[in-house]
């Protein structure tokens, strides 16, 4: 998900990331709304909030320059860049990017329903029965365990169970 654009009204960064701050002159600190963001400079579009995830200062500066050339409207970063663009500073860009994406998508975790099955015996059978009942009722079902992850018709082995299989 290099580029995310879903919230048409836009978000105020200070509401989504209350611990961040705008950097720059009074005019540059005026709150602006964003409805899209991007972390890959070469995929940045006009008006996007560009999120700086590069760790090397040189690579980060080059990425910022490319994003600005493509029309980025502002930068979300952990440090200030010597460029004439609005910059929103946070302590942890990766965490802030996750929060921003979650908000742009309408905070989907707030509507996520989960069930947990715990115990010594019968967890797998119980999970399968509950999953079948919920699917028959028209719900989307996913399951996780220490051995595998399943989502409707797809099943993937976890890294741990793959290692066990090789032993």
Foldseek 3Di string as FASTA:
>chain_A
DQKDAAAPVFDFLCVLPVQKAKDDDPVLRPTDGARMAGAALQPAAAAHAHEQDDDDPVVSLVSVVSNVVRHHQEYEEQDDDPDPHIYIHDPDRVVSVVSVNCVSVPVVVVVDDDDDDDDDDDRVVVLVVVVVVCVVVPDWDWDDDQAWTGTVPDIDGDPVNVVVVVD
